Amino acid sequence: WLETRLSKRTVAAWGGWGALLGFVLIVFSGITFNQSVFYAGVVLLGVGTGISTV
C-alpha cells in the first residue's frame, strides 16, 4: 500500500529507522529490566524490517 503512494527508497528508509528504534528499545529494556519495553522493541523491529524489505 505504501509503495503506491511513496517511493521505494522512502519506504525502505522509514523501515530502517523503525528497525533502528526497535533495536534501541531492546537495548534500553535490557538496561532498565523492563519486559514490556522489550516486547514493544521486538514488535517495532519486526515491523521495521518488514517494511524495509520492499
Protein backbone atom coordinates (compact mmCIF):
# COMPACT_ATOMS: atom_id res chain seq x y z
CA TRP A 1 0.00 0.00 0.00
CA LEU A 2 2.79 2.46 0.85
CA GLU A 3 4.72 1.74 -2.35
CA THR A 4 1.91 3.14 -4.48
CA ARG A 5 1.99 6.44 -2.60
CA LEU A 6 5.70 6.80 -1.77
CA SER A 7 8.95 5.85 -3.47
CA LYS A 8 10.60 2.56 -2.56
CA ARG A 9 13.58 4.42 -1.17
CA THR A 10 11.38 6.41 1.23
CA VAL A 11 9.54 3.30 2.40
CA ALA A 12 12.83 1.45 2.93
CA ALA A 13 14.24 4.41 4.87
CA TRP A 14 11.20 4.53 7.15
CA GLY A 15 11.51 0.80 7.75
CA GLY A 16 15.19 1.17 8.56
CA TRP A 17 14.53 3.93 11.07
CA GLY A 18 11.76 1.85 12.64
CA ALA A 19 14.08 -1.14 12.95
CA LEU A 20 16.77 1.05 14.48
CA LEU A 21 14.29 2.37 17.02
CA GLY A 22 13.32 -1.22 17.81
CA PHE A 23 16.96 -2.10 18.49
CA VAL A 24 17.32 0.96 20.73
CA LEU A 25 14.23 -0.06 22.70
CA ILE A 26 15.58 -3.59 23.11
CA VAL A 27 18.88 -2.26 24.46
CA PHE A 28 17.05 0.20 26.73
CA SER A 29 14.85 -2.60 28.07
CA GLY A 30 17.95 -4.57 28.99
CA ILE A 31 19.36 -1.64 30.90
CA THR A 32 16.12 -0.94 32.76
CA PHE A 33 14.98 -4.59 33.08
CA ASN A 34 11.59 -3.64 31.62
CA GLN A 35 9.86 -6.53 29.88
CA SER A 36 7.08 -4.53 28.23
CA VAL A 37 9.61 -2.19 26.58
CA PHE A 38 11.42 -5.28 25.30
CA TYR A 39 8.24 -6.63 23.70
CA ALA A 40 7.50 -3.25 22.13
CA GLY A 41 11.03 -3.16 20.76
CA VAL A 42 10.70 -6.64 19.27
CA VAL A 43 7.40 -5.72 17.61
CA LEU A 44 8.83 -2.48 16.26
CA LEU A 45 11.90 -4.30 14.99
CA GLY A 46 9.69 -6.80 13.18
CA VAL A 47 7.51 -4.12 11.62
CA GLY A 48 10.53 -2.05 10.62
CA THR A 49 12.33 -4.92 8.95
CA GLY A 50 9.13 -5.99 7.25
CA ILE A 51 8.54 -2.53 5.83
CA SER A 52 12.15 -2.12 4.75
CA THR A 53 12.04 -5.20 2.51
CA VAL A 54 10.40 -3.53 -0.48
